[in-house]
N, C-alpha and C. Protein backbone atom coordinates (compact mmCIF):
# COMPACT_ATOMS: atom_id res chain seq x y z
N MET A 1 -133.62 -18.97 57.58
CA MET A 1 -132.50 -18.70 58.09
C MET A 1 -131.98 -20.41 58.70
N LYS A 2 -130.73 -20.45 58.36
CA LYS A 2 -130.27 -22.10 59.20
C LYS A 2 -128.96 -21.56 59.92
N VAL A 3 -128.97 -22.48 60.89
CA VAL A 3 -127.68 -22.54 62.06
C VAL A 3 -127.42 -24.04 61.90
N VAL A 4 -126.11 -24.57 61.79
CA VAL A 4 -125.17 -25.76 61.76
C VAL A 4 -124.80 -25.45 63.29
N LEU A 5 -125.34 -26.22 64.26
CA LEU A 5 -124.54 -26.15 65.62
C LEU A 5 -123.95 -27.49 65.85
N GLN A 6 -122.43 -27.25 65.88
CA GLN A 6 -121.80 -28.06 66.65
C GLN A 6 -121.25 -27.92 67.90
N ARG A 7 -121.65 -28.99 68.72
CA ARG A 7 -121.23 -29.17 70.29
C ARG A 7 -119.62 -29.40 70.37
N VAL A 8 -118.80 -28.35 71.15
CA VAL A 8 -117.68 -28.63 70.92
C VAL A 8 -116.68 -28.22 72.19
N SER A 9 -115.59 -28.99 72.26
CA SER A 9 -114.72 -28.74 73.36
C SER A 9 -114.11 -27.90 73.36
N ARG A 10 -113.70 -27.12 71.96
CA ARG A 10 -113.50 -25.75 71.90
C ARG A 10 -113.58 -25.40 70.57
N GLY A 11 -113.52 -23.75 70.21
CA GLY A 11 -113.74 -23.79 68.91
C GLY A 11 -112.84 -22.32 68.70
N SER A 12 -112.42 -21.89 67.72
CA SER A 12 -111.80 -20.66 67.29
C SER A 12 -112.07 -19.98 65.93
N VAL A 13 -111.71 -18.89 65.85
CA VAL A 13 -111.75 -18.28 64.32
C VAL A 13 -110.64 -17.51 64.37
N THR A 14 -109.90 -17.65 63.03
CA THR A 14 -108.57 -17.09 63.00
C THR A 14 -108.51 -16.17 61.57
N ILE A 15 -108.07 -14.81 61.79
CA ILE A 15 -108.14 -13.94 60.50
C ILE A 15 -106.80 -13.51 60.49
N ASP A 16 -105.87 -13.57 59.07
CA ASP A 16 -104.82 -13.11 59.12
C ASP A 16 -103.91 -13.37 60.41
N GLY A 17 -103.80 -14.49 60.85
CA GLY A 17 -102.78 -15.11 61.63
C GLY A 17 -103.21 -14.77 63.37
N GLN A 18 -104.42 -13.89 63.18
CA GLN A 18 -104.79 -13.43 64.60
C GLN A 18 -106.29 -14.16 64.91
N VAL A 19 -105.98 -14.53 66.23
CA VAL A 19 -107.68 -15.34 66.76
C VAL A 19 -108.31 -14.11 66.99
N VAL A 20 -109.45 -14.21 66.41
CA VAL A 20 -110.61 -12.97 66.62
C VAL A 20 -111.77 -13.43 67.45
N GLY A 21 -111.86 -14.71 67.95
CA GLY A 21 -112.69 -15.41 68.68
C GLY A 21 -112.42 -16.55 69.29
N ALA A 22 -112.83 -17.25 70.27
CA ALA A 22 -112.44 -18.75 70.80
C ALA A 22 -113.27 -18.99 72.12
N ILE A 23 -113.66 -20.00 72.12
CA ILE A 23 -114.54 -20.53 73.23
C ILE A 23 -113.89 -21.90 73.72
N GLU A 24 -114.46 -22.19 74.91
CA GLU A 24 -114.03 -23.66 75.32
C GLU A 24 -115.16 -24.65 75.07
N GLN A 25 -115.88 -25.10 75.88
CA GLN A 25 -117.17 -26.06 75.84
C GLN A 25 -118.14 -24.92 75.12
N GLY A 26 -119.02 -25.52 74.56
CA GLY A 26 -120.02 -24.92 73.82
C GLY A 26 -120.67 -25.66 72.65
N TYR A 27 -120.97 -24.49 71.46
CA TYR A 27 -121.27 -24.38 70.32
C TYR A 27 -120.44 -23.66 69.26
N VAL A 28 -120.10 -24.05 68.31
CA VAL A 28 -119.69 -23.27 67.15
C VAL A 28 -121.07 -23.10 66.15
N ALA A 29 -121.42 -22.13 65.93
CA ALA A 29 -122.88 -21.84 65.28
C ALA A 29 -122.52 -21.34 63.82
N LEU A 30 -122.82 -21.92 62.94
CA LEU A 30 -122.57 -21.76 61.18
C LEU A 30 -123.68 -21.13 61.09
N VAL A 31 -124.08 -19.72 60.76
CA VAL A 31 -125.24 -19.31 60.51
C VAL A 31 -125.36 -18.64 58.86
N GLY A 32 -126.21 -19.24 58.74
CA GLY A 32 -126.72 -18.86 57.06
C GLY A 32 -128.05 -18.21 56.98
N VAL A 33 -128.38 -17.15 55.87
CA VAL A 33 -129.40 -16.19 56.12
C VAL A 33 -129.83 -16.28 54.51
N THR A 34 -130.98 -16.49 54.19
CA THR A 34 -131.79 -16.48 52.80
C THR A 34 -132.56 -14.76 52.72
N HIS A 35 -132.72 -14.48 51.72
CA HIS A 35 -133.66 -13.47 51.10
C HIS A 35 -134.86 -12.97 52.45
N THR A 36 -135.65 -13.94 52.53
CA THR A 36 -136.82 -13.70 53.25
C THR A 36 -136.86 -13.75 54.59
N ASP A 37 -135.64 -13.81 55.38
CA ASP A 37 -135.15 -13.79 56.93
C ASP A 37 -135.31 -12.39 57.57
N THR A 38 -136.09 -12.56 58.59
CA THR A 38 -136.22 -11.13 59.27
C THR A 38 -135.49 -11.47 60.67
N GLU A 39 -135.65 -10.23 61.52
CA GLU A 39 -135.17 -10.58 63.12
C GLU A 39 -135.97 -11.72 63.53
N ALA A 40 -137.39 -11.75 63.25
CA ALA A 40 -138.04 -12.98 64.06
C ALA A 40 -137.30 -14.31 63.85
N GLU A 41 -136.74 -14.70 62.55
CA GLU A 41 -136.21 -15.99 62.07
C GLU A 41 -134.96 -16.11 63.22
N ALA A 42 -134.09 -14.95 63.36
CA ALA A 42 -133.05 -15.00 63.99
C ALA A 42 -133.05 -15.02 65.56
N ASP A 43 -134.30 -14.54 66.11
CA ASP A 43 -135.08 -14.58 67.40
C ASP A 43 -135.16 -16.07 67.69
N LEU A 44 -135.63 -16.78 66.74
CA LEU A 44 -136.30 -17.97 66.84
C LEU A 44 -135.26 -19.02 66.87
N LEU A 45 -134.12 -19.07 66.00
CA LEU A 45 -132.94 -19.78 66.06
C LEU A 45 -132.18 -19.32 67.43
N ALA A 46 -131.86 -17.94 67.92
CA ALA A 46 -131.16 -17.82 69.06
C ALA A 46 -132.11 -18.62 70.39
N ARG A 47 -133.55 -18.60 70.61
CA ARG A 47 -133.89 -19.22 71.30
C ARG A 47 -133.84 -20.61 71.40
N LYS A 48 -133.77 -21.13 70.21
CA LYS A 48 -133.88 -22.57 70.30
C LYS A 48 -132.25 -22.88 70.40
N THR A 49 -131.57 -22.42 69.89
CA THR A 49 -129.88 -22.49 70.65
C THR A 49 -129.53 -22.47 71.93
N ALA A 50 -130.29 -21.67 72.72
CA ALA A 50 -130.04 -21.51 73.89
C ALA A 50 -130.88 -22.22 74.94
N HIS A 51 -131.87 -22.92 74.25
CA HIS A 51 -132.63 -23.92 75.32
C HIS A 51 -132.34 -25.28 74.91
N LEU A 52 -131.78 -25.69 73.60
CA LEU A 52 -131.34 -27.21 73.07
C LEU A 52 -130.91 -27.80 74.22
N ARG A 53 -131.34 -29.12 74.43
CA ARG A 53 -130.31 -29.89 75.34
C ARG A 53 -129.67 -31.07 74.78
N VAL A 54 -128.68 -30.94 74.64
CA VAL A 54 -127.48 -31.57 74.13
C VAL A 54 -126.30 -31.74 74.70
N PHE A 55 -126.07 -31.38 75.89
CA PHE A 55 -125.23 -31.47 76.80
C PHE A 55 -125.31 -32.52 77.94
N GLU A 56 -124.49 -33.23 78.32
CA GLU A 56 -124.66 -34.25 79.20
C GLU A 56 -124.85 -34.03 80.60
N ASP A 57 -125.62 -34.46 81.14
CA ASP A 57 -125.85 -34.46 82.46
C ASP A 57 -125.20 -35.33 83.53
N ASP A 58 -125.22 -35.50 84.55
CA ASP A 58 -124.52 -36.21 85.43
C ASP A 58 -124.71 -38.05 85.31
N ALA A 59 -125.75 -38.27 84.56
CA ALA A 59 -125.82 -39.85 83.98
C ALA A 59 -125.48 -40.25 82.80
N GLY A 60 -124.81 -39.03 82.13
CA GLY A 60 -124.32 -39.35 80.88
C GLY A 60 -125.44 -38.97 79.61
N LYS A 61 -126.61 -38.59 79.98
CA LYS A 61 -127.80 -38.22 78.86
C LYS A 61 -127.84 -37.12 78.25
N MET A 62 -127.90 -37.02 77.20
CA MET A 62 -128.05 -35.42 76.47
C MET A 62 -129.47 -34.43 77.05
N ASN A 63 -129.01 -33.90 78.46
CA ASN A 63 -130.21 -33.29 79.07
C ASN A 63 -130.13 -32.07 79.38
N ARG A 64 -128.87 -31.57 79.23
CA ARG A 64 -128.87 -29.86 79.56
C ARG A 64 -128.60 -29.33 78.39
N SER A 65 -128.91 -27.76 78.70
CA SER A 65 -128.75 -27.00 77.82
C SER A 65 -127.48 -26.24 78.05
N ILE A 66 -126.90 -25.36 76.89
CA ILE A 66 -125.99 -24.56 77.10
C ILE A 66 -125.95 -23.67 78.14
N GLN A 67 -127.10 -22.91 78.41
CA GLN A 67 -127.00 -22.22 79.75
C GLN A 67 -126.91 -22.85 81.00
N GLU A 68 -127.27 -24.02 80.94
CA GLU A 68 -127.23 -24.90 82.13
C GLU A 68 -125.56 -25.34 82.39
N VAL A 69 -124.89 -25.50 81.29
CA VAL A 69 -123.51 -25.70 81.61
C VAL A 69 -122.49 -24.85 81.51
N GLY A 70 -123.08 -23.45 81.02
CA GLY A 70 -122.31 -22.16 81.22
C GLY A 70 -121.31 -22.19 79.92
N GLY A 71 -121.94 -22.73 78.92
CA GLY A 71 -120.85 -22.90 77.58
C GLY A 71 -121.02 -21.39 76.74
N GLY A 72 -120.01 -21.61 75.72
CA GLY A 72 -120.07 -20.38 74.89
C GLY A 72 -120.22 -20.70 73.77
N VAL A 73 -121.02 -19.71 72.83
CA VAL A 73 -120.83 -19.87 71.33
C VAL A 73 -120.25 -18.97 70.53
N LEU A 74 -119.62 -19.59 69.68
CA LEU A 74 -118.82 -18.93 68.24
C LEU A 74 -119.75 -19.01 67.17
N VAL A 75 -120.25 -17.66 66.99
CA VAL A 75 -121.02 -17.21 65.65
C VAL A 75 -120.34 -16.97 64.57
N ILE A 76 -120.42 -17.80 63.26
CA ILE A 76 -119.96 -17.67 62.13
C ILE A 76 -120.52 -17.36 61.27
N SER A 77 -120.70 -16.37 60.27
CA SER A 77 -121.30 -16.17 59.04
C SER A 77 -121.00 -17.53 58.11
N GLN A 78 -121.92 -18.09 57.64
CA GLN A 78 -121.76 -19.12 56.71
C GLN A 78 -122.52 -18.77 55.42
N PHE A 79 -122.61 -18.12 54.61
CA PHE A 79 -123.44 -18.05 53.19
C PHE A 79 -123.74 -19.40 52.36
N THR A 80 -122.60 -20.19 52.47
CA THR A 80 -122.57 -21.26 51.92
C THR A 80 -123.62 -22.43 52.28
N LEU A 81 -124.26 -21.97 53.49
CA LEU A 81 -125.43 -22.70 53.75
C LEU A 81 -126.78 -22.76 52.67
N TYR A 82 -126.76 -21.87 51.96
CA TYR A 82 -127.47 -21.68 50.96
C TYR A 82 -127.47 -21.95 49.39
N ALA A 83 -126.07 -22.74 49.49
CA ALA A 83 -125.52 -23.21 48.22
C ALA A 83 -126.24 -24.16 47.53
N ASP A 84 -126.70 -24.23 46.34
CA ASP A 84 -127.51 -25.13 45.51
C ASP A 84 -126.69 -25.74 44.81
N ALA A 85 -126.32 -27.04 44.54
CA ALA A 85 -125.60 -27.70 43.96
C ALA A 85 -126.37 -28.94 43.00
N ARG A 86 -127.65 -28.50 42.93
CA ARG A 86 -128.39 -29.66 41.92
C ARG A 86 -127.99 -29.67 40.52
N LYS A 87 -127.52 -28.41 40.09
CA LYS A 87 -127.13 -28.40 38.69
C LYS A 87 -125.58 -28.25 38.43
N GLY A 88 -125.19 -28.97 37.67
CA GLY A 88 -123.54 -28.57 37.01
C GLY A 88 -122.52 -29.07 38.05
N ARG A 89 -121.53 -28.50 37.99
CA ARG A 89 -120.31 -28.69 39.11
C ARG A 89 -119.98 -27.59 40.27
N ARG A 90 -120.64 -26.45 40.17
CA ARG A 90 -120.55 -24.99 40.76
C ARG A 90 -121.61 -24.94 41.34
N PRO A 91 -121.69 -24.78 42.70
CA PRO A 91 -122.95 -24.52 43.17
C PRO A 91 -123.24 -22.82 43.12
N SER A 92 -124.43 -22.44 43.26
CA SER A 92 -125.01 -21.15 42.81
C SER A 92 -125.44 -20.79 44.45
N PHE A 93 -125.21 -19.56 44.65
CA PHE A 93 -125.21 -19.27 45.83
C PHE A 93 -126.47 -18.00 46.16
N ILE A 94 -127.35 -18.47 45.07
CA ILE A 94 -128.47 -17.09 44.74
C ILE A 94 -129.48 -16.99 45.77
N ASP A 95 -129.44 -18.02 46.91
CA ASP A 95 -130.46 -17.98 47.67
C ASP A 95 -129.98 -17.13 48.94
N ALA A 96 -128.61 -17.23 48.85
CA ALA A 96 -128.06 -16.74 50.18
C ALA A 96 -128.42 -15.07 50.35
N ALA A 97 -128.76 -14.34 51.26
CA ALA A 97 -128.94 -13.28 51.51
C ALA A 97 -128.03 -12.57 50.84
N ARG A 98 -128.40 -10.89 50.54
CA ARG A 98 -127.15 -10.02 50.42
C ARG A 98 -126.48 -9.75 51.97
N PRO A 99 -125.25 -9.27 51.63
CA PRO A 99 -124.36 -9.05 52.87
C PRO A 99 -124.61 -8.26 53.67
N GLU A 100 -125.35 -6.94 53.14
CA GLU A 100 -126.03 -6.00 54.25
C GLU A 100 -127.04 -6.42 54.95
N GLN A 101 -127.85 -7.50 54.51
CA GLN A 101 -128.97 -8.08 55.27
C GLN A 101 -128.41 -9.09 56.01
N ALA A 102 -127.58 -10.03 55.54
CA ALA A 102 -127.37 -10.92 56.15
C ALA A 102 -126.23 -10.75 57.47
N SER A 103 -125.37 -9.71 57.26
CA SER A 103 -124.45 -9.06 58.31
C SER A 103 -125.57 -8.76 59.63
N LEU A 104 -126.38 -7.98 59.46
CA LEU A 104 -127.29 -7.34 60.20
C LEU A 104 -127.98 -8.66 61.33
N LEU A 105 -128.38 -9.48 60.39
CA LEU A 105 -129.20 -10.58 61.04
C LEU A 105 -128.26 -11.62 61.79
N VAL A 106 -127.27 -11.77 61.03
CA VAL A 106 -126.22 -12.38 62.05
C VAL A 106 -125.88 -12.08 63.57
N ASP A 107 -125.76 -10.61 63.44
CA ASP A 107 -125.39 -9.79 64.44
C ASP A 107 -126.61 -9.92 65.47
N PHE A 108 -127.71 -9.74 64.92
CA PHE A 108 -128.91 -9.89 65.85
C PHE A 108 -128.95 -11.15 66.32
N TYR A 109 -128.66 -12.28 65.94
CA TYR A 109 -128.81 -13.82 66.21
C TYR A 109 -127.53 -13.58 67.67
N ALA A 110 -126.41 -13.24 67.39
CA ALA A 110 -125.56 -13.38 68.42
C ALA A 110 -126.04 -12.28 69.65
N ALA A 111 -126.46 -11.18 69.50
CA ALA A 111 -127.33 -10.43 70.38
C ALA A 111 -128.03 -10.75 71.08
N LYS A 112 -128.92 -11.78 70.41
CA LYS A 112 -130.39 -12.55 71.21
C LYS A 112 -129.89 -13.63 71.73
N LEU A 113 -128.32 -14.30 71.55
CA LEU A 113 -127.90 -15.41 72.40
C LEU A 113 -127.31 -14.96 73.75
N ARG A 114 -127.08 -13.43 73.55
CA ARG A 114 -126.72 -12.90 74.84
C ARG A 114 -127.88 -12.51 75.78
N GLU A 115 -128.94 -12.09 75.28
CA GLU A 115 -130.25 -11.90 76.17
C GLU A 115 -131.06 -13.37 76.51
N TYR A 116 -130.81 -14.61 76.01
CA TYR A 116 -131.27 -15.57 76.33
C TYR A 116 -130.17 -16.20 77.59
N GLY A 117 -129.27 -15.52 77.97
CA GLY A 117 -128.66 -15.73 79.09
C GLY A 117 -127.03 -16.39 78.65
N ILE A 118 -126.83 -16.46 77.35
CA ILE A 118 -125.50 -17.10 77.19
C ILE A 118 -124.35 -15.95 77.35
N GLU A 119 -123.34 -16.24 78.27
CA GLU A 119 -122.43 -14.92 78.69
C GLU A 119 -121.36 -14.63 77.76
N GLN A 120 -120.85 -15.95 77.27
CA GLN A 120 -119.97 -16.08 76.09
C GLN A 120 -120.02 -16.01 74.72
N VAL A 121 -120.18 -15.06 74.02
CA VAL A 121 -120.70 -14.98 72.57
C VAL A 121 -119.52 -14.08 71.78
N GLU A 122 -118.86 -15.30 71.00
CA GLU A 122 -117.68 -14.73 70.09
C GLU A 122 -118.13 -14.89 68.87
N GLN A 123 -117.87 -13.94 67.56
CA GLN A 123 -117.72 -13.78 66.57
C GLN A 123 -117.08 -13.82 65.67
N GLY A 124 -117.04 -14.16 64.22
CA GLY A 124 -116.05 -14.15 63.62
C GLY A 124 -116.32 -12.60 62.84
N VAL A 125 -115.49 -12.41 61.43
CA VAL A 125 -115.74 -10.94 61.04
C VAL A 125 -116.49 -11.43 59.61
N PHE A 126 -117.64 -10.93 59.48
CA PHE A 126 -118.37 -10.94 58.28
C PHE A 126 -117.68 -10.65 57.23
N GLY A 127 -117.95 -11.72 56.12
CA GLY A 127 -116.97 -11.52 54.83
C GLY A 127 -115.69 -11.55 54.75
N ALA A 128 -115.13 -12.08 55.66
CA ALA A 128 -113.61 -12.08 56.03
C ALA A 128 -113.41 -13.37 55.60
N MET A 129 -112.09 -13.83 54.83
CA MET A 129 -111.57 -15.31 55.17
C MET A 129 -111.24 -15.69 56.02
N MET A 130 -111.65 -16.78 56.90
CA MET A 130 -111.74 -17.44 58.20
C MET A 130 -110.94 -18.78 58.39
N LEU A 131 -110.28 -18.80 58.82
CA LEU A 131 -109.78 -20.00 59.33
C LEU A 131 -110.65 -20.71 60.59
N VAL A 132 -111.64 -21.56 60.79
CA VAL A 132 -112.61 -21.84 61.81
C VAL A 132 -112.04 -23.23 62.29
N GLU A 133 -111.71 -23.12 63.53
CA GLU A 133 -111.30 -24.43 64.23
C GLU A 133 -112.55 -24.89 65.12
N ILE A 134 -112.91 -26.15 64.82
CA ILE A 134 -113.77 -26.86 65.72
C ILE A 134 -113.43 -28.24 66.22
N LEU A 135 -113.25 -28.40 67.45
CA LEU A 135 -112.98 -29.48 67.65
C LEU A 135 -114.46 -30.09 68.27
N ASN A 136 -115.35 -30.90 67.62
CA ASN A 136 -116.35 -31.45 67.54
C ASN A 136 -116.47 -32.48 68.81
N ASP A 137 -117.42 -32.35 69.67
CA ASP A 137 -117.31 -33.25 70.84
C ASP A 137 -118.65 -34.16 70.94
N GLY A 138 -118.02 -35.22 70.53
CA GLY A 138 -119.27 -36.46 70.26
C GLY A 138 -119.12 -37.51 69.46
N PRO A 139 -119.41 -37.10 68.07
CA PRO A 139 -119.40 -35.53 67.50
C PRO A 139 -121.34 -35.47 67.57
N VAL A 140 -121.50 -34.26 68.02
CA VAL A 140 -122.72 -33.89 68.11
C VAL A 140 -123.18 -32.54 67.08
N THR A 141 -123.89 -32.57 65.83
CA THR A 141 -124.00 -31.75 65.13
C THR A 141 -125.75 -31.73 64.75
N ILE A 142 -126.25 -30.45 65.02
CA ILE A 142 -127.75 -30.33 64.96
C ILE A 142 -127.97 -29.17 63.94
N ILE A 143 -128.67 -29.38 63.10
CA ILE A 143 -129.16 -28.27 61.80
C ILE A 143 -130.29 -27.81 62.32
N LEU A 144 -130.62 -26.65 62.62
CA LEU A 144 -131.67 -25.87 62.82
C LEU A 144 -132.19 -24.92 61.80
N ASP A 145 -133.04 -25.00 60.92
CA ASP A 145 -133.72 -24.38 59.84
C ASP A 145 -135.04 -23.68 60.21
N THR A 146 -135.23 -22.21 60.06
CA THR A 146 -136.42 -21.72 60.54
C THR A 146 -137.86 -22.30 59.71
N ASP A 147 -137.50 -22.75 58.54
CA ASP A 147 -138.64 -23.19 57.72
C ASP A 147 -139.25 -24.67 58.11
N GLU A 148 -138.17 -25.33 58.91
CA GLU A 148 -138.60 -26.54 59.56
C GLU A 148 -138.87 -26.32 61.04
N LEU A 149 -138.57 -25.18 61.81
CA LEU A 149 -139.20 -24.74 62.93
C LEU A 149 -140.29 -24.03 63.39
N LYS A 150 -140.69 -23.15 62.22
CA LYS A 150 -142.01 -22.35 62.25
C LYS A 150 -143.27 -23.25 62.85
N GLY A 151 -143.79 -22.74 63.90
CA GLY A 151 -145.06 -23.58 64.30
C GLY A 151 -144.81 -24.64 65.19
N SER A 152 -143.51 -25.03 65.25
CA SER A 152 -143.28 -26.00 66.44
C SER A 152 -143.37 -25.63 68.04
N ASN A 153 -143.36 -26.54 68.73
CA ASN A 153 -143.17 -26.42 70.18
C ASN A 153 -141.85 -26.09 70.79
N GLY A 154 -141.06 -25.25 70.38
CA GLY A 154 -140.00 -25.16 71.08
C GLY A 154 -139.15 -24.12 70.53
């Protein structure tokens, strides 16, 4: 499972001209799921998202978590994170999980964020054509991948 976290001043998702989710300071989390992912991977990423210290403290250092700044998270499903573009000109998405699996794990990730103390968790609509506004703050973009996080201290 992968999450691309973008620290934002604001983010929103619009479907058919209607804003269905919006946050101010926080993260836009683009979430990709592969076939072997389970709730354990979603929990690991949610815990890491909630505790990662990339927000500035009073000294201007990236030393505060999203919990500490009271930020929100806009969760967007993103199967294209598992694109394989090594061959040809059209990427393959064979490594992306089927929608019935991916949808459940994206929802589970969002639910775990709430359990880890993030009060505002907004979501896009799985499988919908979405317009996502990301006003990246910094810019700060962090890629979390469970294949790399397993066995780490964090």
